[in-house]
């Protein structure tokens, strides 16, 4: 923790009083960063006729193998109709497998196939490379601060999903 009156604490204090112009610049930076963050996966997905919804589904099924359709709906925040359209394509193309629940036959549990794992890996590799380079340029303190900003912007429900995914990663 920075001592009061130090340059580090003054920088932090000055950030508490951002002007509308500074906030606008931050918003624009996020728009352009998101565009860059999704550009590489978009090019890969285009080859398969997929879009970002497919990417998000693959990502979260990979992160939580066996997740239910209802859980994926909650994480993605999309309609059941929209998710079913995405899942139907991924299942038909052999990237995702849907299994009926053992305890509750109404549940469908989702798993990536070998082909799905390979595509998810290719997409994630592209994004990890971009993030790794950005993190390297920004430095460790910026990485921690960036993560804190992102988490602070999450709605409480999304933050719970994010926290659950982080805990699951620690269990592996």
N, C-alpha and C. Protein backbone atom coordinates (compact mmCIF):
# COMPACT_ATOMS: atom_id res chain seq x y z
N UNK A 1 0.85 -1.17 0.00
CA UNK A 1 0.00 0.00 0.00
C UNK A 1 0.89 1.24 0.00
N UNK A 2 0.56 2.22 -0.81
CA UNK A 2 1.37 3.43 -0.89
C UNK A 2 1.14 4.31 0.33
N UNK A 3 2.21 4.96 0.76
CA UNK A 3 2.11 5.89 1.87
C UNK A 3 1.38 7.15 1.40
N UNK A 4 0.50 7.73 2.24
CA UNK A 4 -0.17 8.98 1.86
C UNK A 4 0.86 10.04 1.50
N UNK A 5 0.56 10.76 0.43
CA UNK A 5 1.45 11.84 0.01
C UNK A 5 2.52 11.40 -0.98
N UNK A 6 2.70 10.10 -1.19
CA UNK A 6 3.70 9.65 -2.15
C UNK A 6 3.15 9.79 -3.56
N UNK A 7 4.05 9.75 -4.54
CA UNK A 7 3.62 9.88 -5.94
C UNK A 7 2.62 8.79 -6.29
N UNK A 8 2.86 7.58 -5.78
CA UNK A 8 1.96 6.46 -6.08
C UNK A 8 0.57 6.71 -5.53
N UNK A 9 0.46 7.18 -4.29
CA UNK A 9 -0.86 7.42 -3.72
C UNK A 9 -1.54 8.61 -4.39
N UNK A 10 -0.77 9.62 -4.80
CA UNK A 10 -1.35 10.77 -5.47
C UNK A 10 -1.90 10.38 -6.83
N UNK A 11 -1.20 9.49 -7.54
CA UNK A 11 -1.71 9.01 -8.82
C UNK A 11 -3.04 8.32 -8.61
N UNK A 12 -3.13 7.49 -7.57
CA UNK A 12 -4.37 6.77 -7.28
C UNK A 12 -5.49 7.72 -6.92
N UNK A 13 -5.17 8.73 -6.11
CA UNK A 13 -6.19 9.70 -5.71
C UNK A 13 -6.68 10.49 -6.92
N UNK A 14 -5.77 10.87 -7.81
CA UNK A 14 -6.18 11.66 -8.96
C UNK A 14 -7.09 10.85 -9.88
N UNK A 15 -6.95 9.54 -9.86
CA UNK A 15 -7.81 8.70 -10.70
C UNK A 15 -9.23 8.63 -10.17
N UNK A 16 -9.43 9.00 -8.92
CA UNK A 16 -10.78 8.99 -8.37
C UNK A 16 -11.62 10.15 -8.88
N UNK A 17 -10.98 11.13 -9.52
CA UNK A 17 -11.68 12.31 -9.99
C UNK A 17 -11.46 12.49 -11.48
N UNK A 18 -11.80 11.48 -12.25
CA UNK A 18 -11.60 11.54 -13.69
C UNK A 18 -12.62 12.49 -14.33
N UNK A 19 -12.16 13.20 -15.32
CA UNK A 19 -13.06 14.09 -16.06
C UNK A 19 -13.86 13.26 -17.06
N UNK A 20 -14.92 13.84 -17.57
CA UNK A 20 -15.71 13.16 -18.60
C UNK A 20 -14.84 12.86 -19.82
N UNK A 21 -13.93 13.76 -20.15
CA UNK A 21 -13.04 13.54 -21.29
C UNK A 21 -12.12 12.34 -21.05
N UNK A 22 -11.58 12.22 -19.84
CA UNK A 22 -10.73 11.07 -19.52
C UNK A 22 -11.54 9.78 -19.58
N UNK A 23 -12.76 9.81 -19.09
CA UNK A 23 -13.62 8.63 -19.15
C UNK A 23 -13.95 8.28 -20.59
N UNK A 24 -14.25 9.29 -21.42
CA UNK A 24 -14.54 9.05 -22.83
C UNK A 24 -13.36 8.38 -23.52
N UNK A 25 -12.16 8.85 -23.21
CA UNK A 25 -10.95 8.24 -23.80
C UNK A 25 -10.81 6.79 -23.36
N UNK A 26 -11.13 6.50 -22.10
CA UNK A 26 -11.08 5.13 -21.61
C UNK A 26 -12.10 4.25 -22.31
N UNK A 27 -13.30 4.77 -22.51
CA UNK A 27 -14.36 4.03 -23.21
C UNK A 27 -13.92 3.74 -24.63
N UNK A 28 -13.39 4.75 -25.31
CA UNK A 28 -12.94 4.54 -26.68
C UNK A 28 -11.79 3.54 -26.75
N UNK A 29 -10.89 3.61 -25.78
CA UNK A 29 -9.79 2.64 -25.75
C UNK A 29 -10.34 1.23 -25.61
N UNK A 30 -11.38 1.06 -24.76
CA UNK A 30 -11.97 -0.28 -24.61
C UNK A 30 -12.60 -0.76 -25.90
N UNK A 31 -13.30 0.14 -26.62
CA UNK A 31 -13.89 -0.25 -27.90
C UNK A 31 -12.82 -0.74 -28.87
N UNK A 32 -11.75 0.04 -28.99
CA UNK A 32 -10.69 -0.33 -29.94
C UNK A 32 -9.92 -1.57 -29.46
N UNK A 33 -9.69 -1.68 -28.16
CA UNK A 33 -9.01 -2.86 -27.63
C UNK A 33 -9.85 -4.11 -27.88
N UNK A 34 -11.16 -4.01 -27.66
CA UNK A 34 -12.04 -5.16 -27.90
C UNK A 34 -11.99 -5.56 -29.37
N UNK A 35 -11.96 -4.58 -30.23
CA UNK A 35 -11.87 -4.86 -31.66
C UNK A 35 -10.59 -5.63 -31.97
N UNK A 36 -9.49 -5.21 -31.38
CA UNK A 36 -8.23 -5.92 -31.58
C UNK A 36 -8.25 -7.30 -30.94
N UNK A 37 -8.83 -7.39 -29.76
CA UNK A 37 -8.90 -8.65 -29.02
C UNK A 37 -9.70 -9.71 -29.77
N UNK A 38 -10.71 -9.27 -30.52
CA UNK A 38 -11.56 -10.22 -31.24
C UNK A 38 -11.16 -10.41 -32.71
N UNK A 39 -10.24 -9.58 -33.20
CA UNK A 39 -9.89 -9.63 -34.62
C UNK A 39 -9.30 -10.97 -35.04
N UNK A 40 -8.33 -11.47 -34.29
CA UNK A 40 -7.69 -12.73 -34.67
C UNK A 40 -8.69 -13.90 -34.62
N UNK A 41 -9.44 -14.06 -33.52
CA UNK A 41 -10.43 -15.13 -33.50
C UNK A 41 -11.49 -14.98 -34.59
N UNK A 42 -11.89 -13.74 -34.88
CA UNK A 42 -12.90 -13.53 -35.94
C UNK A 42 -12.42 -14.08 -37.27
N UNK A 43 -11.13 -13.87 -37.57
CA UNK A 43 -10.58 -14.39 -38.84
C UNK A 43 -10.60 -15.92 -38.85
N UNK A 44 -10.29 -16.52 -37.73
CA UNK A 44 -10.30 -17.98 -37.62
C UNK A 44 -11.73 -18.50 -37.75
N UNK A 45 -12.65 -17.89 -37.02
CA UNK A 45 -14.05 -18.32 -37.02
C UNK A 45 -14.69 -18.19 -38.39
N UNK A 46 -14.30 -17.15 -39.12
CA UNK A 46 -14.86 -16.90 -40.45
C UNK A 46 -14.63 -18.10 -41.38
N UNK A 47 -13.48 -18.75 -41.24
CA UNK A 47 -13.17 -19.92 -42.08
C UNK A 47 -14.19 -21.04 -41.89
N UNK A 48 -14.80 -21.09 -40.71
CA UNK A 48 -15.76 -22.16 -40.38
C UNK A 48 -17.21 -21.69 -40.48
N UNK A 49 -17.41 -20.43 -40.79
CA UNK A 49 -18.76 -19.88 -40.85
C UNK A 49 -19.34 -19.63 -39.47
N UNK A 50 -18.49 -19.43 -38.48
CA UNK A 50 -18.92 -19.18 -37.11
C UNK A 50 -18.72 -17.72 -36.75
N UNK A 51 -19.37 -17.34 -35.65
CA UNK A 51 -19.24 -15.97 -35.15
C UNK A 51 -18.81 -15.97 -33.70
N UNK A 52 -18.88 -14.80 -33.09
CA UNK A 52 -18.42 -14.64 -31.71
C UNK A 52 -19.24 -15.45 -30.71
N UNK A 53 -20.52 -15.65 -31.00
CA UNK A 53 -21.34 -16.45 -30.09
C UNK A 53 -20.82 -17.89 -30.02
N UNK A 54 -20.37 -18.40 -31.15
CA UNK A 54 -19.78 -19.75 -31.18
C UNK A 54 -18.50 -19.78 -30.35
N UNK A 55 -17.70 -18.73 -30.50
CA UNK A 55 -16.45 -18.64 -29.76
C UNK A 55 -16.72 -18.63 -28.26
N UNK A 56 -17.67 -17.81 -27.83
CA UNK A 56 -17.97 -17.73 -26.39
C UNK A 56 -18.47 -19.08 -25.88
N UNK A 57 -19.31 -19.74 -26.65
CA UNK A 57 -19.81 -21.06 -26.23
C UNK A 57 -18.65 -22.05 -26.09
N UNK A 58 -17.79 -22.10 -27.08
CA UNK A 58 -16.64 -23.00 -27.03
C UNK A 58 -15.76 -22.69 -25.82
N UNK A 59 -15.53 -21.41 -25.59
CA UNK A 59 -14.67 -21.00 -24.48
C UNK A 59 -15.22 -21.49 -23.14
N UNK A 60 -16.50 -21.23 -22.89
CA UNK A 60 -17.05 -21.56 -21.58
C UNK A 60 -17.35 -23.05 -21.42
N UNK A 61 -17.60 -23.75 -22.49
CA UNK A 61 -17.72 -25.21 -22.40
C UNK A 61 -16.35 -25.80 -22.08
N UNK A 62 -15.32 -25.25 -22.69
CA UNK A 62 -13.95 -25.70 -22.41
C UNK A 62 -13.59 -25.44 -20.95
N UNK A 63 -13.95 -24.26 -20.45
CA UNK A 63 -13.60 -23.89 -19.07
C UNK A 63 -14.33 -24.73 -18.03
N UNK A 64 -15.53 -25.22 -18.39
CA UNK A 64 -16.34 -26.00 -17.44
C UNK A 64 -16.97 -27.18 -18.17
N UNK A 65 -16.15 -28.20 -18.50
CA UNK A 65 -16.70 -29.36 -19.20
C UNK A 65 -17.86 -29.97 -18.42
N UNK A 66 -18.93 -30.30 -19.14
CA UNK A 66 -20.11 -30.86 -18.49
C UNK A 66 -21.09 -29.81 -18.03
N UNK A 67 -20.77 -28.54 -18.30
CA UNK A 67 -21.70 -27.47 -17.91
C UNK A 67 -23.05 -27.73 -18.56
N UNK A 68 -24.08 -27.27 -17.91
CA UNK A 68 -25.42 -27.46 -18.46
C UNK A 68 -25.77 -26.33 -19.41
N UNK A 69 -26.75 -26.59 -20.24
CA UNK A 69 -27.24 -25.56 -21.14
C UNK A 69 -27.74 -24.36 -20.33
N UNK A 70 -28.45 -24.62 -19.23
CA UNK A 70 -28.96 -23.53 -18.41
C UNK A 70 -27.83 -22.69 -17.81
N UNK A 71 -26.76 -23.33 -17.37
CA UNK A 71 -25.63 -22.58 -16.84
C UNK A 71 -24.99 -21.73 -17.94
N UNK A 72 -24.85 -22.30 -19.12
CA UNK A 72 -24.27 -21.56 -20.24
C UNK A 72 -25.16 -20.37 -20.61
N UNK A 73 -26.46 -20.56 -20.56
CA UNK A 73 -27.39 -19.46 -20.80
C UNK A 73 -27.15 -18.32 -19.81
N UNK A 74 -26.98 -18.66 -18.55
CA UNK A 74 -26.76 -17.65 -17.52
C UNK A 74 -25.44 -16.91 -17.73
N UNK A 75 -24.41 -17.65 -18.07
CA UNK A 75 -23.09 -17.04 -18.27
C UNK A 75 -23.09 -16.12 -19.49
N UNK A 76 -23.66 -16.59 -20.59
CA UNK A 76 -23.61 -15.83 -21.83
C UNK A 76 -24.64 -14.71 -21.89
N UNK A 77 -25.72 -14.85 -21.13
CA UNK A 77 -26.75 -13.82 -21.13
C UNK A 77 -27.45 -13.68 -22.46
N UNK A 78 -27.67 -14.81 -23.13
CA UNK A 78 -28.38 -14.80 -24.41
C UNK A 78 -29.70 -15.54 -24.26
N UNK A 79 -30.53 -15.45 -25.27
CA UNK A 79 -31.80 -16.16 -25.22
C UNK A 79 -31.58 -17.64 -25.49
N UNK A 80 -32.52 -18.44 -25.02
CA UNK A 80 -32.45 -19.88 -25.25
C UNK A 80 -32.44 -20.19 -26.74
N UNK A 81 -33.26 -19.44 -27.49
CA UNK A 81 -33.33 -19.64 -28.94
C UNK A 81 -31.98 -19.36 -29.60
N UNK A 82 -31.34 -18.28 -29.19
CA UNK A 82 -30.04 -17.90 -29.76
C UNK A 82 -28.99 -18.96 -29.42
N UNK A 83 -28.94 -19.39 -28.17
CA UNK A 83 -27.95 -20.40 -27.77
C UNK A 83 -28.22 -21.73 -28.47
N UNK A 84 -29.48 -22.10 -28.58
CA UNK A 84 -29.80 -23.37 -29.26
C UNK A 84 -29.35 -23.36 -30.71
N UNK A 85 -29.49 -22.23 -31.36
CA UNK A 85 -29.04 -22.11 -32.77
C UNK A 85 -27.52 -22.34 -32.83
N UNK A 86 -26.78 -21.72 -31.92
CA UNK A 86 -25.32 -21.86 -31.88
C UNK A 86 -24.94 -23.31 -31.56
N UNK A 87 -25.57 -23.88 -30.52
CA UNK A 87 -25.24 -25.25 -30.11
C UNK A 87 -25.59 -26.27 -31.18
N UNK A 88 -26.73 -26.09 -31.85
CA UNK A 88 -27.11 -27.02 -32.92
C UNK A 88 -26.02 -27.09 -33.98
N UNK A 89 -25.49 -25.92 -34.37
CA UNK A 89 -24.42 -25.89 -35.37
C UNK A 89 -23.15 -26.56 -34.87
N UNK A 90 -22.76 -26.26 -33.64
CA UNK A 90 -21.54 -26.84 -33.08
C UNK A 90 -21.67 -28.35 -32.90
N UNK A 91 -22.85 -28.80 -32.51
CA UNK A 91 -23.08 -30.24 -32.35
C UNK A 91 -23.10 -30.92 -33.71
N UNK A 92 -23.81 -30.33 -34.67
CA UNK A 92 -23.91 -30.92 -36.02
C UNK A 92 -22.53 -31.00 -36.67
N UNK A 93 -21.67 -30.03 -36.40
CA UNK A 93 -20.34 -30.02 -36.99
C UNK A 93 -19.32 -30.85 -36.21
N UNK A 94 -19.78 -31.47 -35.11
CA UNK A 94 -18.92 -32.37 -34.36
C UNK A 94 -17.95 -31.70 -33.41
N UNK A 95 -18.24 -30.46 -33.00
CA UNK A 95 -17.35 -29.75 -32.08
C UNK A 95 -17.80 -29.86 -30.63
N UNK A 96 -19.09 -30.05 -30.43
CA UNK A 96 -19.67 -30.14 -29.09
C UNK A 96 -20.51 -31.39 -29.01
N UNK A 97 -20.46 -32.03 -27.85
CA UNK A 97 -21.27 -33.21 -27.58
C UNK A 97 -22.23 -32.85 -26.44
N UNK A 98 -23.48 -33.23 -26.59
CA UNK A 98 -24.49 -32.98 -25.58
C UNK A 98 -24.91 -34.32 -24.99
N UNK A 99 -24.81 -34.43 -23.66
CA UNK A 99 -25.19 -35.67 -22.98
C UNK A 99 -26.32 -35.39 -22.00
N UNK A 100 -27.25 -36.32 -21.94
CA UNK A 100 -28.37 -36.20 -21.01
C UNK A 100 -27.85 -36.39 -19.59
N UNK A 101 -28.36 -35.59 -18.66
CA UNK A 101 -27.93 -35.66 -17.28
C UNK A 101 -28.22 -37.01 -16.65
N UNK A 102 -27.34 -37.46 -15.77
CA UNK A 102 -27.54 -38.75 -15.10
C UNK A 102 -28.58 -38.64 -13.99
N UNK A 103 -28.55 -37.55 -13.24
CA UNK A 103 -29.52 -37.36 -12.15
C UNK A 103 -30.82 -36.76 -12.65
N UNK A 104 -30.71 -35.80 -13.57
CA UNK A 104 -31.90 -35.12 -14.10
C UNK A 104 -31.88 -35.28 -15.62
N UNK A 105 -32.76 -36.10 -16.12
CA UNK A 105 -32.79 -36.41 -17.55
C UNK A 105 -33.16 -35.19 -18.40
N UNK A 106 -33.69 -34.14 -17.78
CA UNK A 106 -34.04 -32.93 -18.53
C UNK A 106 -32.82 -32.08 -18.82
N UNK A 107 -31.76 -32.27 -18.05
CA UNK A 107 -30.54 -31.48 -18.24
C UNK A 107 -29.72 -32.03 -19.40
N UNK A 108 -29.09 -31.08 -20.10
CA UNK A 108 -28.14 -31.47 -21.14
C UNK A 108 -26.78 -30.93 -20.72
N UNK A 109 -25.79 -31.82 -20.65
CA UNK A 109 -24.43 -31.44 -20.27
C UNK A 109 -23.58 -31.36 -21.54
N UNK A 110 -22.77 -30.32 -21.61
CA UNK A 110 -22.02 -30.02 -22.83
C UNK A 110 -20.52 -30.27 -22.65
N UNK A 111 -19.94 -30.89 -23.67
CA UNK A 111 -18.51 -31.21 -23.68
C UNK A 111 -17.96 -30.89 -25.07
N UNK A 112 -16.72 -30.45 -25.12
CA UNK A 112 -16.06 -30.27 -26.41
C UNK A 112 -15.54 -31.62 -26.88
N UNK A 113 -15.64 -31.85 -28.17
CA UNK A 113 -15.04 -33.03 -28.77
C UNK A 113 -13.57 -32.71 -29.04
N UNK A 114 -12.85 -33.66 -29.56
CA UNK A 114 -11.43 -33.44 -29.90
C UNK A 114 -11.32 -32.29 -30.91
N UNK A 115 -12.23 -32.26 -31.88
CA UNK A 115 -12.23 -31.20 -32.89
C UNK A 115 -12.55 -29.86 -32.23
N UNK A 116 -13.53 -29.86 -31.33
CA UNK A 116 -13.90 -28.64 -30.61
C UNK A 116 -12.76 -28.13 -29.74
N UNK A 117 -12.06 -29.05 -29.08
CA UNK A 117 -10.90 -28.67 -28.26
C UNK A 117 -9.82 -28.01 -29.13
N UNK A 118 -9.61 -28.56 -30.32
CA UNK A 118 -8.58 -28.02 -31.21
C UNK A 118 -8.93 -26.60 -31.66
N UNK A 119 -10.19 -26.38 -32.01
CA UNK A 119 -10.60 -25.03 -32.43
C UNK A 119 -10.53 -24.06 -31.25
N UNK A 120 -11.00 -24.49 -30.10
CA UNK A 120 -10.95 -23.63 -28.91
C UNK A 120 -9.50 -23.27 -28.61
N UNK A 121 -8.60 -24.22 -28.73
CA UNK A 121 -7.17 -23.98 -28.47
C UNK A 121 -6.62 -22.95 -29.45
N UNK A 122 -6.97 -23.08 -30.72
CA UNK A 122 -6.49 -22.14 -31.74
C UNK A 122 -6.99 -20.72 -31.44
N UNK A 123 -8.26 -20.61 -31.08
CA UNK A 123 -8.85 -19.30 -30.76
C UNK A 123 -8.20 -18.70 -29.50
N UNK A 124 -8.05 -19.51 -28.48
CA UNK A 124 -7.46 -19.03 -27.23
C UNK A 124 -6.00 -18.68 -27.39
N UNK A 125 -5.27 -19.46 -28.18
CA UNK A 125 -3.85 -19.16 -28.43
C UNK A 125 -3.71 -17.77 -29.03
N UNK A 126 -4.58 -17.44 -29.98
CA UNK A 126 -4.52 -16.13 -30.63
C UNK A 126 -4.77 -15.01 -29.61
N UNK A 127 -5.75 -15.20 -28.75
CA UNK A 127 -6.06 -14.17 -27.77
C UNK A 127 -5.00 -14.10 -26.67
N UNK A 128 -4.49 -15.25 -26.26
CA UNK A 128 -3.44 -15.24 -25.23
C UNK A 128 -2.19 -14.53 -25.74
N UNK A 129 -1.85 -14.74 -27.00
CA UNK A 129 -0.66 -14.08 -27.56
C UNK A 129 -0.84 -12.56 -27.52
N UNK A 130 -2.01 -12.09 -27.88
CA UNK A 130 -2.26 -10.65 -27.88
C UNK A 130 -2.23 -10.11 -26.45
N UNK A 131 -2.86 -10.82 -25.51
CA UNK A 131 -2.88 -10.37 -24.12
C UNK A 131 -1.49 -10.45 -23.50
N UNK A 132 -0.77 -11.51 -23.79
CA UNK A 132 0.58 -11.66 -23.24
C UNK A 132 1.47 -10.49 -23.65
N UNK A 133 1.40 -10.11 -24.92
CA UNK A 133 2.20 -9.00 -25.42
C UNK A 133 1.77 -7.68 -24.76
N UNK A 134 0.48 -7.46 -24.64
CA UNK A 134 -0.02 -6.23 -24.01
C UNK A 134 0.39 -6.19 -22.53
N UNK A 135 0.26 -7.31 -21.84
CA UNK A 135 0.64 -7.36 -20.43
C UNK A 135 2.14 -7.11 -20.27
N UNK A 136 2.93 -7.67 -21.17
CA UNK A 136 4.38 -7.50 -21.10
C UNK A 136 4.73 -6.02 -21.27
N UNK A 137 4.07 -5.35 -22.18
CA UNK A 137 4.32 -3.93 -22.42
C UNK A 137 3.86 -3.09 -21.22
N UNK A 138 2.70 -3.42 -20.66
CA UNK A 138 2.11 -2.61 -19.58
C UNK A 138 2.80 -2.84 -18.24
N UNK A 139 3.27 -4.04 -17.98
CA UNK A 139 3.94 -4.33 -16.72
C UNK A 139 2.99 -4.91 -15.68
N UNK A 140 3.57 -5.54 -14.65
CA UNK A 140 2.78 -6.29 -13.67
C UNK A 140 1.77 -5.46 -12.88
N UNK A 141 2.14 -4.23 -12.51
CA UNK A 141 1.19 -3.41 -11.76
C UNK A 141 -0.02 -3.07 -12.61
N UNK A 142 0.20 -2.78 -13.89
CA UNK A 142 -0.90 -2.47 -14.79
C UNK A 142 -1.80 -3.68 -14.99
N UNK A 143 -1.21 -4.86 -15.04
CA UNK A 143 -2.00 -6.09 -15.20
C UNK A 143 -2.96 -6.25 -14.03
N UNK A 144 -2.46 -6.08 -12.83
CA UNK A 144 -3.30 -6.19 -11.63
C UNK A 144 -4.39 -5.12 -11.65
N UNK A 145 -4.00 -3.89 -11.97
CA UNK A 145 -4.97 -2.80 -12.02
C UNK A 145 -6.03 -3.02 -13.08
N UNK A 146 -5.62 -3.49 -14.24
CA UNK A 146 -6.56 -3.75 -15.33
C UNK A 146 -7.59 -4.80 -14.91
N UNK A 147 -7.12 -5.87 -14.29
CA UNK A 147 -8.03 -6.92 -13.83
C UNK A 147 -9.01 -6.37 -12.79
N UNK A 148 -8.51 -5.52 -11.90
CA UNK A 148 -9.38 -4.92 -10.88
C UNK A 148 -10.45 -4.04 -11.53
N UNK A 149 -10.06 -3.27 -12.54
CA UNK A 149 -11.02 -2.43 -13.24
C UNK A 149 -12.09 -3.29 -13.92
N UNK A 150 -11.65 -4.33 -14.61
CA UNK A 150 -12.61 -5.20 -15.30
C UNK A 150 -13.59 -5.84 -14.31
N UNK A 151 -13.07 -6.34 -13.20
CA UNK A 151 -13.94 -6.97 -12.20
C UNK A 151 -14.89 -5.96 -11.59
N UNK A 152 -14.43 -4.73 -11.37
CA UNK A 152 -15.29 -3.70 -10.78
C UNK A 152 -16.41 -3.29 -11.73
N UNK A 153 -16.21 -3.47 -13.03
CA UNK A 153 -17.24 -3.11 -14.01
C UNK A 153 -18.29 -4.21 -14.19
N UNK A 154 -18.02 -5.41 -13.70
CA UNK A 154 -18.96 -6.52 -13.88
C UNK A 154 -20.21 -6.32 -13.04
N UNK A 155 -21.35 -6.71 -13.60
CA UNK A 155 -22.58 -6.77 -12.82
C UNK A 155 -22.39 -7.86 -11.76
N UNK A 156 -23.07 -7.74 -10.61
CA UNK A 156 -22.87 -8.72 -9.53
C UNK A 156 -23.09 -10.17 -9.99
N UNK A 157 -24.10 -10.43 -10.80
CA UNK A 157 -24.36 -11.81 -11.26
C UNK A 157 -23.20 -12.32 -12.12
N UNK A 158 -22.70 -11.48 -13.01
CA UNK A 158 -21.57 -11.88 -13.85
C UNK A 158 -20.31 -12.07 -13.00
N UNK A 159 -20.16 -11.25 -11.99
CA UNK A 159 -18.99 -11.39 -11.11
C UNK A 159 -19.03 -12.73 -10.39
N UNK A 160 -20.22 -13.19 -10.01
CA UNK A 160 -20.35 -14.51 -9.36
C UNK A 160 -19.93 -15.61 -10.33
N UNK A 161 -20.34 -15.52 -11.58
CA UNK A 161 -19.94 -16.52 -12.58
C UNK A 161 -18.42 -16.48 -12.78
N UNK A 162 -17.87 -15.27 -12.85
CA UNK A 162 -16.43 -15.11 -13.03
C UNK A 162 -15.67 -15.71 -11.86
N UNK A 163 -16.13 -15.43 -10.65
CA UNK A 163 -15.48 -15.97 -9.45
C UNK A 163 -15.56 -17.49 -9.44
N UNK A 164 -16.70 -18.04 -9.85
CA UNK A 164 -16.85 -19.50 -9.88
C UNK A 164 -15.89 -20.11 -10.89
N UNK A 165 -15.69 -19.46 -12.03
CA UNK A 165 -14.75 -19.97 -13.03
C UNK A 165 -13.32 -19.90 -12.50
N UNK A 166 -12.98 -18.82 -11.80
CA UNK A 166 -11.64 -18.70 -11.21
C UNK A 166 -11.40 -19.82 -10.20
N UNK A 167 -12.41 -20.09 -9.37
CA UNK A 167 -12.27 -21.16 -8.37
C UNK A 167 -12.09 -22.50 -9.04
N UNK A 168 -12.85 -22.75 -10.11
CA UNK A 168 -12.74 -24.00 -10.85
C UNK A 168 -11.35 -24.19 -11.44
N UNK A 169 -10.75 -23.09 -11.91
CA UNK A 169 -9.40 -23.16 -12.48
C UNK A 169 -8.39 -23.51 -11.41
N UNK A 170 -8.64 -23.06 -10.17
CA UNK A 170 -7.72 -23.36 -9.08
C UNK A 170 -7.83 -24.83 -8.66
N UNK A 171 -8.95 -25.47 -8.96
CA UNK A 171 -9.15 -26.88 -8.59
C UNK A 171 -8.41 -27.82 -9.53
N UNK A 172 -7.98 -27.33 -10.69
CA UNK A 172 -7.36 -28.21 -11.68
C UNK A 172 -5.93 -28.46 -11.38
